[in-house]
Amino acid sequence: MKAFSKIVIAAWLFATITSLHAFKVEKGFSSIFNGKDLTGWEGMPGMWMVKNGAITPKQSTINNWVFWRGGQPADFELRLSFRFHSGNSGVQVRTIEFEPFQSRGYQVEVAPQAKMGLWHHSKAPEKYRSKLALAGEETVYAKDGTKSIKKVADPDKVKSSYKEDDWNDLVVIAKGPTVIQKINGVVFSQLTDHDEKYSTAKGWIAFQDHGKGTKVEFKNIRIRIDK
């Protein structure tokens, strides 16, 4: 009877875990991380690992990225959970791998609360491309690189929805020339990029380890690709 009870409990746990996992992958979305290893992802050898069901760096001193190798989508919605502890990190979209495991392109900054909401151009080719949009902003870059800013929300109020040293839900929406970042259901910033020199319409998805003690975790990663 005890053996039978153990089998029943094990079956119930398996069904519960499976149900929870299925709940995370919404209709129309596909999971791109299995929670066990880096299958489908590629980073600099020895620099990234999976721990407690999350992708995390191995405390490198080198600025490097781990790339999802499932394609270079143009229009999509990316959803994931992240927890930031220290250092500096980011989520890259429509990014260029200009050298092995080095990324240049749009980045959602992952950092302490005071710095959240930043759309950054990692490895910015020119200074004016560094801070593309800040919390509470909708910015537009014209074809010649001229930047216009519309402040749509109080930045401190926006950033207050970010949970320090805890799990946060990130949504990145890329459609046409526009990329939007939402954290915990709140729009942090929006960028529309027509810059003829540096805008990108498609590219890699990647996570950054800036080195210098970066500690960050990414899990529950799923995507809906529109084109």
C-alpha atoms as a PDB file:
ATOM      1  CA  MET A   1       0.000   0.000   0.000  1.00  0.00           C
ATOM      2  CA  LYS A   2       2.857   2.408   0.848  1.00  0.00           C
ATOM      3  CA  ALA A   3       4.486   1.694  -2.512  1.00  0.00           C
ATOM      4  CA  PHE A   4       1.171   2.367  -4.253  1.00  0.00           C
ATOM      5  CA  SER A   5       0.787   5.664  -2.368  1.00  0.00           C
ATOM      6  CA  LYS A   6       4.263   6.737  -3.448  1.00  0.00           C
ATOM      7  CA  ILE A   7       3.399   6.002  -7.076  1.00  0.00           C
ATOM      8  CA  VAL A   8       0.199   8.038  -6.803  1.00  0.00           C
ATOM      9  CA  ILE A   9       2.029  10.981  -5.213  1.00  0.00           C
ATOM     10  CA  ALA A  10       4.784  10.832  -7.839  1.00  0.00           C
ATOM     11  CA  ALA A  11       2.210  10.781 -10.623  1.00  0.00           C
ATOM     12  CA  TRP A  12       0.390  13.751  -9.086  1.00  0.00           C
ATOM     13  CA  LEU A  13       3.631  15.749  -8.788  1.00  0.00           C
ATOM     14  CA  PHE A  14       4.527  14.989 -12.392  1.00  0.00           C
ATOM     15  CA  ALA A  15       1.087  16.050 -13.592  1.00  0.00           C
ATOM     16  CA  THR A  16       1.239  19.239 -11.523  1.00  0.00           C
ATOM     17  CA  ILE A  17       4.679  20.205 -12.808  1.00  0.00           C
ATOM     18  CA  THR A  18       3.646  19.453 -16.383  1.00  0.00           C
ATOM     19  CA  SER A  19       0.513  21.549 -15.969  1.00  0.00           C
ATOM     20  CA  LEU A  20       2.477  24.477 -14.571  1.00  0.00           C
ATOM     21  CA  HIS A  21       4.956  24.298 -17.437  1.00  0.00           C
ATOM     22  CA  ALA A  22       2.139  24.202 -19.988  1.00  0.00           C
ATOM     23  CA  PHE A  23       0.549  27.236 -18.343  1.00  0.00           C
ATOM     24  CA  LYS A  24       3.700  29.253 -18.951  1.00  0.00           C
ATOM     25  CA  VAL A  25       3.699  28.607 -22.709  1.00  0.00           C
ATOM     26  CA  GLU A  26       0.739  30.642 -23.887  1.00  0.00           C
ATOM     27  CA  LYS A  27      -1.199  29.880 -27.052  1.00  0.00           C
ATOM     28  CA  GLY A  28       0.772  30.935 -30.108  1.00  0.00           C
ATOM     29  CA  PHE A  29       4.068  30.951 -28.200  1.00  0.00           C
ATOM     30  CA  SER A  30       6.920  28.420 -28.239  1.00  0.00           C
ATOM     31  CA  SER A  31       9.330  27.673 -25.407  1.00  0.00           C
ATOM     32  CA  ILE A  32      12.955  28.293 -26.457  1.00  0.00           C
ATOM     33  CA  PHE A  33      14.634  27.091 -23.247  1.00  0.00           C
ATOM     34  CA  ASN A  34      14.152  23.627 -21.778  1.00  0.00           C
ATOM     35  CA  GLY A  35      15.141  24.593 -18.221  1.00  0.00           C
ATOM     36  CA  LYS A  36      17.799  21.858 -18.078  1.00  0.00           C
ATOM     37  CA  ASP A  37      20.688  22.753 -20.390  1.00  0.00           C
ATOM     38  CA  LEU A  38      21.761  25.161 -23.127  1.00  0.00           C
ATOM     39  CA  THR A  39      20.298  23.172 -26.003  1.00  0.00           C
ATOM     40  CA  GLY A  40      19.427  25.719 -28.710  1.00  0.00           C
ATOM     41  CA  TRP A  41      21.696  28.342 -27.145  1.00  0.00           C
ATOM     42  CA  GLU A  42      25.380  29.049 -27.748  1.00  0.00           C
ATOM     43  CA  GLY A  43      27.867  31.060 -25.742  1.00  0.00           C
ATOM     44  CA  MET A  44      31.596  31.380 -25.254  1.00  0.00           C
ATOM     45  CA  PRO A  45      32.791  27.972 -23.986  1.00  0.00           C
ATOM     46  CA  GLY A  46      32.666  27.723 -20.202  1.00  0.00           C
ATOM     47  CA  MET A  47      31.016  31.100 -19.695  1.00  0.00           C
ATOM     48  CA  TRP A  48      27.330  30.137 -19.249  1.00  0.00           C
ATOM     49  CA  MET A  49      25.407  27.420 -17.430  1.00  0.00           C
ATOM     50  CA  VAL A  50      21.940  26.352 -16.346  1.00  0.00           C
ATOM     51  CA  LYS A  51      21.353  26.385 -12.592  1.00  0.00           C
ATOM     52  CA  ASN A  52      18.054  25.910 -10.766  1.00  0.00           C
ATOM     53  CA  GLY A  53      16.190  25.972 -14.062  1.00  0.00           C
ATOM     54  CA  ALA A  54      17.654  29.292 -15.254  1.00  0.00           C
ATOM     55  CA  ILE A  55      20.350  30.463 -17.674  1.00  0.00           C
ATOM     56  CA  THR A  56      23.063  32.238 -15.722  1.00  0.00           C
ATOM     57  CA  PRO A  57      26.681  33.352 -16.320  1.00  0.00           C
ATOM     58  CA  LYS A  58      29.629  31.725 -14.600  1.00  0.00           C
ATOM     59  CA  GLN A  59      30.967  34.919 -12.992  1.00  0.00           C
ATOM     60  CA  SER A  60      33.211  35.856 -15.907  1.00  0.00           C
ATOM     61  CA  THR A  61      35.428  38.934 -16.106  1.00  0.00           C
ATOM     62  CA  ILE A  62      34.815  39.092 -19.866  1.00  0.00           C
ATOM     63  CA  ASN A  63      31.951  40.956 -21.500  1.00  0.00           C
ATOM     64  CA  ASN A  64      30.157  38.268 -23.530  1.00  0.00           C
ATOM     65  CA  TRP A  65      26.724  37.036 -24.660  1.00  0.00           C
ATOM     66  CA  VAL A  66      24.851  33.759 -24.973  1.00  0.00           C
ATOM     67  CA  PHE A  67      22.780  33.557 -28.180  1.00  0.00           C
ATOM     68  CA  TRP A  68      19.574  31.759 -29.018  1.00  0.00           C
ATOM     69  CA  ARG A  69      20.320  29.943 -32.274  1.00  0.00           C
ATOM     70  CA  GLY A  70      16.717  29.304 -33.310  1.00  0.00           C
ATOM     71  CA  GLY A  71      16.691  32.089 -35.875  1.00  0.00           C
ATOM     72  CA  GLN A  72      16.878  35.855 -36.306  1.00  0.00           C
ATOM     73  CA  PRO A  73      13.261  37.015 -36.068  1.00  0.00           C
ATOM     74  CA  ALA A  74      11.995  40.364 -37.306  1.00  0.00           C
ATOM     75  CA  ASP A  75       8.553  40.914 -35.768  1.00  0.00           C
ATOM     76  CA  PHE A  76       7.908  38.960 -32.574  1.00  0.00           C
ATOM     77  CA  GLU A  77       6.894  38.994 -28.931  1.00  0.00           C
ATOM     78  CA  LEU A  78       9.431  37.635 -26.440  1.00  0.00           C
ATOM     79  CA  ARG A  79       8.406  36.725 -22.888  1.00  0.00           C
ATOM     80  CA  LEU A  80      10.659  35.632 -20.020  1.00  0.00           C
ATOM     81  CA  SER A  81      11.344  35.940 -16.316  1.00  0.00           C
ATOM     82  CA  PHE A  82      14.600  37.351 -14.974  1.00  0.00           C
ATOM     83  CA  ARG A  83      16.179  37.993 -11.610  1.00  0.00           C
ATOM     84  CA  PHE A  84      19.077  40.424 -11.286  1.00  0.00           C
ATOM     85  CA  HIS A  85      21.458  40.387  -8.342  1.00  0.00           C
ATOM     86  CA  SER A  86      24.637  42.287  -9.237  1.00  0.00           C
ATOM     87  CA  GLY A  87      26.848  43.614 -12.000  1.00  0.00           C
ATOM     88  CA  ASN A  88      25.333  44.503 -15.365  1.00  0.00           C
ATOM     89  CA  SER A  89      23.322  42.542 -17.901  1.00  0.00           C
ATOM     90  CA  GLY A  90      20.786  42.889 -20.674  1.00  0.00           C
ATOM     91  CA  VAL A  91      18.424  41.214 -23.104  1.00  0.00           C
ATOM     92  CA  GLN A  92      19.405  41.740 -26.738  1.00  0.00           C
ATOM     93  CA  VAL A  93      16.944  41.671 -29.634  1.00  0.00           C
ATOM     94  CA  ARG A  94      17.465  42.155 -33.385  1.00  0.00           C
ATOM     95  CA  THR A  95      21.151  42.179 -32.562  1.00  0.00           C
ATOM     96  CA  ILE A  96      24.243  41.663 -34.737  1.00  0.00           C
ATOM     97  CA  GLU A  97      26.966  39.183 -33.762  1.00  0.00           C
ATOM     98  CA  PHE A  98      29.882  41.216 -35.101  1.00  0.00           C
ATOM     99  CA  GLU A  99      32.450  38.854 -33.532  1.00  0.00           C
ATOM    100  CA  PRO A 100      31.934  35.425 -31.935  1.00  0.00           C
ATOM    101  CA  PHE A 101      29.681  35.908 -28.891  1.00  0.00           C
ATOM    102  CA  GLN A 102      29.886  39.700 -29.132  1.00  0.00           C
ATOM    103  CA  SER A 103      26.664  41.617 -29.692  1.00  0.00           C
ATOM    104  CA  ARG A 104      25.874  45.007 -31.187  1.00  0.00           C
ATOM    105  CA  GLY A 105      22.273  46.152 -31.159  1.00  0.00           C
ATOM    106  CA  TYR A 106      19.124  46.832 -29.165  1.00  0.00           C
ATOM    107  CA  GLN A 107      19.362  45.927 -25.499  1.00  0.00           C
ATOM    108  CA  VAL A 108      16.877  46.020 -22.636  1.00  0.00           C
ATOM    109  CA  GLU A 109      19.109  47.046 -19.745  1.00  0.00           C
ATOM    110  CA  VAL A 110      19.001  44.633 -16.784  1.00  0.00           C
ATOM    111  CA  ALA A 111      20.480  46.386 -13.776  1.00  0.00           C
ATOM    112  CA  PRO A 112      19.518  48.034 -10.454  1.00  0.00           C
ATOM    113  CA  GLN A 113      16.130  49.742 -10.395  1.00  0.00           C
ATOM    114  CA  ALA A 114      17.540  53.225 -10.987  1.00  0.00           C
ATOM    115  CA  LYS A 115      18.845  52.174 -14.415  1.00  0.00           C
ATOM    116  CA  MET A 116      15.865  50.152 -15.601  1.00  0.00           C
ATOM    117  CA  GLY A 117      13.795  51.198 -18.607  1.00  0.00           C
ATOM    118  CA  LEU A 118      16.822  51.913 -20.775  1.00  0.00           C
ATOM    119  CA  TRP A 119      16.818  50.882 -24.415  1.00  0.00           C
ATOM    120  CA  HIS A 120      20.543  50.757 -25.022  1.00  0.00           C
ATOM    121  CA  HIS A 121      22.546  50.196 -28.195  1.00  0.00           C
ATOM    122  CA  SER A 122      25.181  47.772 -26.942  1.00  0.00           C
ATOM    123  CA  LYS A 123      28.648  48.376 -28.354  1.00  0.00           C
ATOM    124  CA  ALA A 124      27.216  51.614 -29.718  1.00  0.00           C
ATOM    125  CA  PRO A 125      29.003  52.601 -32.941  1.00  0.00           C
ATOM    126  CA  GLU A 126      28.515  56.294 -32.116  1.00  0.00           C
ATOM    127  CA  LYS A 127      27.833  58.088 -28.841  1.00  0.00           C
ATOM    128  CA  TYR A 128      24.396  59.350 -29.898  1.00  0.00           C
ATOM    129  CA  ARG A 129      23.218  55.715 -30.139  1.00  0.00           C
ATOM    130  CA  SER A 130      24.062  54.845 -26.533  1.00  0.00           C
ATOM    131  CA  LYS A 131      20.891  55.768 -24.629  1.00  0.00           C
ATOM    132  CA  LEU A 132      18.137  55.185 -27.156  1.00  0.00           C
ATOM    133  CA  ALA A 133      15.193  55.568 -24.743  1.00  0.00           C
ATOM    134  CA  LEU A 134      14.767  55.889 -20.984  1.00  0.00           C
ATOM    135  CA  ALA A 135      12.000  54.917 -18.567  1.00  0.00           C
ATOM    136  CA  GLY A 136       8.746  56.733 -19.280  1.00  0.00           C
ATOM    137  CA  GLU A 137       9.843  57.750 -22.785  1.00  0.00           C
ATOM    138  CA  GLU A 138       8.727  57.118 -26.342  1.00  0.00           C
ATOM    139  CA  THR A 139      11.598  58.075 -28.614  1.00  0.00           C
ATOM    140  CA  VAL A 140      11.880  58.253 -32.386  1.00  0.00           C
ATOM    141  CA  TYR A 141      15.069  58.292 -34.430  1.00  0.00           C
ATOM    142  CA  ALA A 142      14.672  59.850 -37.871  1.00  0.00           C
ATOM    143  CA  LYS A 143      16.471  58.541 -40.952  1.00  0.00           C
ATOM    144  CA  ASP A 144      19.354  60.961 -40.357  1.00  0.00           C
ATOM    145  CA  GLY A 145      19.702  59.875 -36.711  1.00  0.00           C
ATOM    146  CA  THR A 146      17.931  62.903 -35.234  1.00  0.00           C
ATOM    147  CA  LYS A 147      16.244  61.937 -31.968  1.00  0.00           C
ATOM    148  CA  SER A 148      12.885  63.149 -30.685  1.00  0.00           C
ATOM    149  CA  ILE A 149      11.616  62.330 -27.199  1.00  0.00           C
ATOM    150  CA  LYS A 150       8.069  62.183 -25.870  1.00  0.00           C
ATOM    151  CA  LYS A 151       7.720  61.764 -22.112  1.00  0.00           C
ATOM    152  CA  VAL A 152       4.592  59.717 -21.473  1.00  0.00           C
ATOM    153  CA  ALA A 153       5.007  58.637 -17.833  1.00  0.00           C
ATOM    154  CA  ASP A 154       6.837  59.548 -14.649  1.00  0.00           C
ATOM    155  CA  PRO A 155      10.097  57.541 -14.788  1.00  0.00           C
ATOM    156  CA  ASP A 156      10.264  56.894 -11.048  1.00  0.00           C
ATOM    157  CA  LYS A 157       6.703  55.597 -10.991  1.00  0.00           C
ATOM    158  CA  VAL A 158       7.428  53.344 -13.963  1.00  0.00           C
ATOM    159  CA  LYS A 159      10.595  51.959 -12.375  1.00  0.00           C
ATOM    160  CA  SER A 160       8.833  51.345  -9.057  1.00  0.00           C
ATOM    161  CA  SER A 161       7.091  48.308 -10.581  1.00  0.00           C
ATOM    162  CA  TYR A 162      10.473  46.607 -10.971  1.00  0.00           C
ATOM    163  CA  LYS A 163      11.291  44.261  -8.083  1.00  0.00           C
ATOM    164  CA  GLU A 164      14.854  44.452  -6.804  1.00  0.00           C
ATOM    165  CA  ASP A 165      16.628  41.115  -6.338  1.00  0.00           C
ATOM    166  CA  ASP A 166      13.443  39.239  -7.214  1.00  0.00           C
ATOM    167  CA  TRP A 167      11.816  37.647 -10.244  1.00  0.00           C
ATOM    168  CA  ASN A 168      10.397  40.027 -12.851  1.00  0.00           C
ATOM    169  CA  ASP A 169       8.419  39.283 -16.002  1.00  0.00           C
ATOM    170  CA  LEU A 170       9.760  40.892 -19.155  1.00  0.00           C
ATOM    171  CA  VAL A 171       7.907  41.278 -22.455  1.00  0.00           C
ATOM    172  CA  VAL A 172       9.654  42.625 -25.555  1.00  0.00           C
ATOM    173  CA  ILE A 173       7.484  43.475 -28.548  1.00  0.00           C
ATOM    174  CA  ALA A 174       9.171  44.115 -31.893  1.00  0.00           C
ATOM    175  CA  LYS A 175       6.999  45.254 -34.778  1.00  0.00           C
ATOM    176  CA  GLY A 176       8.242  47.162 -37.779  1.00  0.00           C
ATOM    177  CA  PRO A 177      10.670  49.879 -36.654  1.00  0.00           C
ATOM    178  CA  THR A 178       9.326  49.842 -33.077  1.00  0.00           C
ATOM    179  CA  VAL A 179      10.509  47.907 -30.028  1.00  0.00           C
ATOM    180  CA  ILE A 180       8.719  48.060 -26.677  1.00  0.00           C
ATOM    181  CA  GLN A 181       9.768  46.744 -23.276  1.00  0.00           C
ATOM    182  CA  LYS A 182       7.291  45.861 -20.546  1.00  0.00           C
ATOM    183  CA  ILE A 183       8.212  44.704 -17.052  1.00  0.00           C
ATOM    184  CA  ASN A 184       5.570  43.222 -14.779  1.00  0.00           C
ATOM    185  CA  GLY A 185       2.876  44.447 -17.147  1.00  0.00           C
ATOM    186  CA  VAL A 186       4.077  48.064 -17.234  1.00  0.00           C
ATOM    187  CA  VAL A 187       5.481  49.698 -20.385  1.00  0.00           C
ATOM    188  CA  PHE A 188       8.930  50.957 -19.412  1.00  0.00           C
ATOM    189  CA  SER A 189       9.972  52.537 -22.717  1.00  0.00           C
ATOM    190  CA  GLN A 190       9.359  52.494 -26.459  1.00  0.00           C
ATOM    191  CA  LEU A 191      11.775  53.080 -29.320  1.00  0.00           C
ATOM    192  CA  THR A 192      10.980  53.679 -32.985  1.00  0.00           C
ATOM    193  CA  ASP A 193      14.160  53.546 -35.033  1.00  0.00           C
ATOM    194  CA  HIS A 194      14.376  54.784 -38.642  1.00  0.00           C
ATOM    195  CA  ASP A 195      18.123  55.535 -38.476  1.00  0.00           C
ATOM    196  CA  GLU A 196      19.431  54.536 -41.918  1.00  0.00           C
ATOM    197  CA  LYS A 197      22.920  53.823 -40.585  1.00  0.00           C
ATOM    198  CA  TYR A 198      22.199  51.671 -37.541  1.00  0.00           C
ATOM    199  CA  SER A 199      18.599  50.479 -37.259  1.00  0.00           C
ATOM    200  CA  THR A 200      18.048  46.736 -37.628  1.00  0.00           C
ATOM    201  CA  ALA A 201      14.858  45.016 -38.756  1.00  0.00           C
ATOM    202  CA  LYS A 202      15.857  41.525 -37.570  1.00  0.00           C
ATOM    203  CA  GLY A 203      18.636  39.771 -35.670  1.00  0.00           C
ATOM    204  CA  TRP A 204      19.690  37.503 -32.842  1.00  0.00           C
ATOM    205  CA  ILE A 205      18.229  37.242 -29.344  1.00  0.00           C
ATOM    206  CA  ALA A 206      20.892  37.056 -26.628  1.00  0.00           C
ATOM    207  CA  PHE A 207      21.651  37.628 -22.933  1.00  0.00           C
ATOM    208  CA  GLN A 208      24.620  39.626 -21.677  1.00  0.00           C
ATOM    209  CA  ASP A 209      27.191  38.985 -18.998  1.00  0.00           C
ATOM    210  CA  HIS A 210      29.086  42.255 -18.696  1.00  0.00           C
ATOM    211  CA  GLY A 211      31.639  40.591 -16.423  1.00  0.00           C
ATOM    212  CA  LYS A 212      32.857  42.109 -13.171  1.00  0.00           C
ATOM    213  CA  GLY A 213      30.666  39.984 -10.905  1.00  0.00           C
ATOM    214  CA  THR A 214      27.477  39.917 -12.927  1.00  0.00           C
ATOM    215  CA  LYS A 215      24.889  37.652 -11.334  1.00  0.00           C
ATOM    216  CA  VAL A 216      21.600  37.289 -13.205  1.00  0.00           C
ATOM    217  CA  GLU A 217      19.124  34.517 -14.077  1.00  0.00           C
ATOM    218  CA  PHE A 218      16.775  34.016 -17.043  1.00  0.00           C
ATOM    219  CA  LYS A 219      14.016  31.418 -17.251  1.00  0.00           C
ATOM    220  CA  ASN A 220      10.558  30.653 -18.723  1.00  0.00           C
ATOM    221  CA  ILE A 221      11.694  31.951 -22.114  1.00  0.00           C
ATOM    222  CA  ARG A 222       9.136  31.775 -24.892  1.00  0.00           C
ATOM    223  CA  ILE A 223       8.456  33.550 -28.152  1.00  0.00           C
ATOM    224  CA  ARG A 224       5.814  34.181 -30.763  1.00  0.00           C
ATOM    225  CA  ILE A 225       7.339  34.961 -34.142  1.00  0.00           C
ATOM    226  CA  ASP A 226       5.186  36.990 -36.522  1.00  0.00           C
ATOM    227  CA  LYS A 227       7.773  37.142 -39.310  1.00  0.00           C
END
